Amino acid sequence: MPQIMSSSRHSSGIGCRELRALPLAGILMICASTSATHAVAADARAYVGNQENGTVSIIDTASDEVVRTLPDHGKIGAKIQAVVADPAARTAFVVDADGNALVAVDIASGQVQQRIAVGKSPEGASLSPSGKTIAVCVEDDNLVAIVDIASAKVTQKIATQGKNPEHCVFSLDGRWLMTSNENSDDVDLIDLKAGRSVALVKTSGHPRGIAWLPNKPVAYVVQEVSGGVDIIDTAKRAVTGSIHTGLRPADAVASADGRRVFVSNGGDATVSVIDTSTNKVIATVPVGKRAWNMALTADGKKLYVANGRSNSVSVIDAVAFKPIREIPVGGLPWGASIPVVK
């Protein structure tokens, strides 16, 4: 498999002769440092599902270039949606809506390994904070399928109270799962220990992407019809405020420190940046047409935005709030994901 980061290829800069000249403690220190570099290399790639082509584009976030397209031949599915890679970057799990499956694709060989039946018309999917499971929203069955990565099997199906769950996102502590239900204009709060939905919260209209804040029982949930986000206090199980961002917003992503929430506005071809201390929009960044689902790098420095109508991914400086570049990918990219384990 190609190297993920240039830093992993040149992490120590020390050859065999230099190693022989070092004491054992020094050798162990270098080996530990090298191992650590390889351990974090998996989250240096962004995975983009291309609906029109039935393929996945893999972007190296160091060079911002497409380094691989999966599969090597043909299509993964007729209508692919979310893509989630395992933390080791060995397998890409791709939602095939028409095939009612989560498709496991070996990244090294580029071959489809397995098709995991999850239910009728799946769409959104997310990686658990532990990196061990994937939650798949199954719209027509009104449920969430929990898939164990190690065994590639569905271990649990949890019914939602709302209709047509589109996005399902884990809280940062892995205790809760929230679903955005587009046909009933509400969100389910699922207690993963109990294995059931414990609350249904009404929202402003057509909820989509969900951004949980770290260390707080708060989620920012995109509302496509109202043109912004609802702020949901999950302890109170109620909407406590709303923020206008733009036309037809699609997704929300929170920074690791919880100070910022990024919202993609599909109708405006922009990304809004919300300061969570004031709940005000502090910046608006231009991107491609129909900005859709997004992903932040592990260090929080770059945001990757899938542009459905531009067949591209916009890269944003997530600190300076400026566009960096636009990367051509396949047709109708649904979203970007980066396997970051909390």
Foldseek 3Di string as FASTA:
>chain_A
DDFQDPCLVCVPVDDPVRLVVDDPVVNVVSVVSSVVVLQQSQLQWKWWQAQCQQKIFIARNVVRAGDDIAQPDGHPENGWADWDAQSNRQWIFIRHQVVQWTWTAGPVNRHTDDTEHDEHGWHAKDAALQSQWMWIFHAQQQWIFIAGPVVRYGPAIEHFPAHGFHYWDAANVRQWIKTQHQVRQWIFIAGVVVRYTDAIEHHDHRWAAWEHAPPAQWIWIDHQVVQWTFIARVVVRYTPDTAHDGHRWAYWYAANNRQWIWIQHQCVQWIFIAGVVVRYTDDIEHHAHGFHAWEARPVRQWIWTDHQCVQWIWIAGRVVGYTDDIYHHHHRTNYMYGDNRD
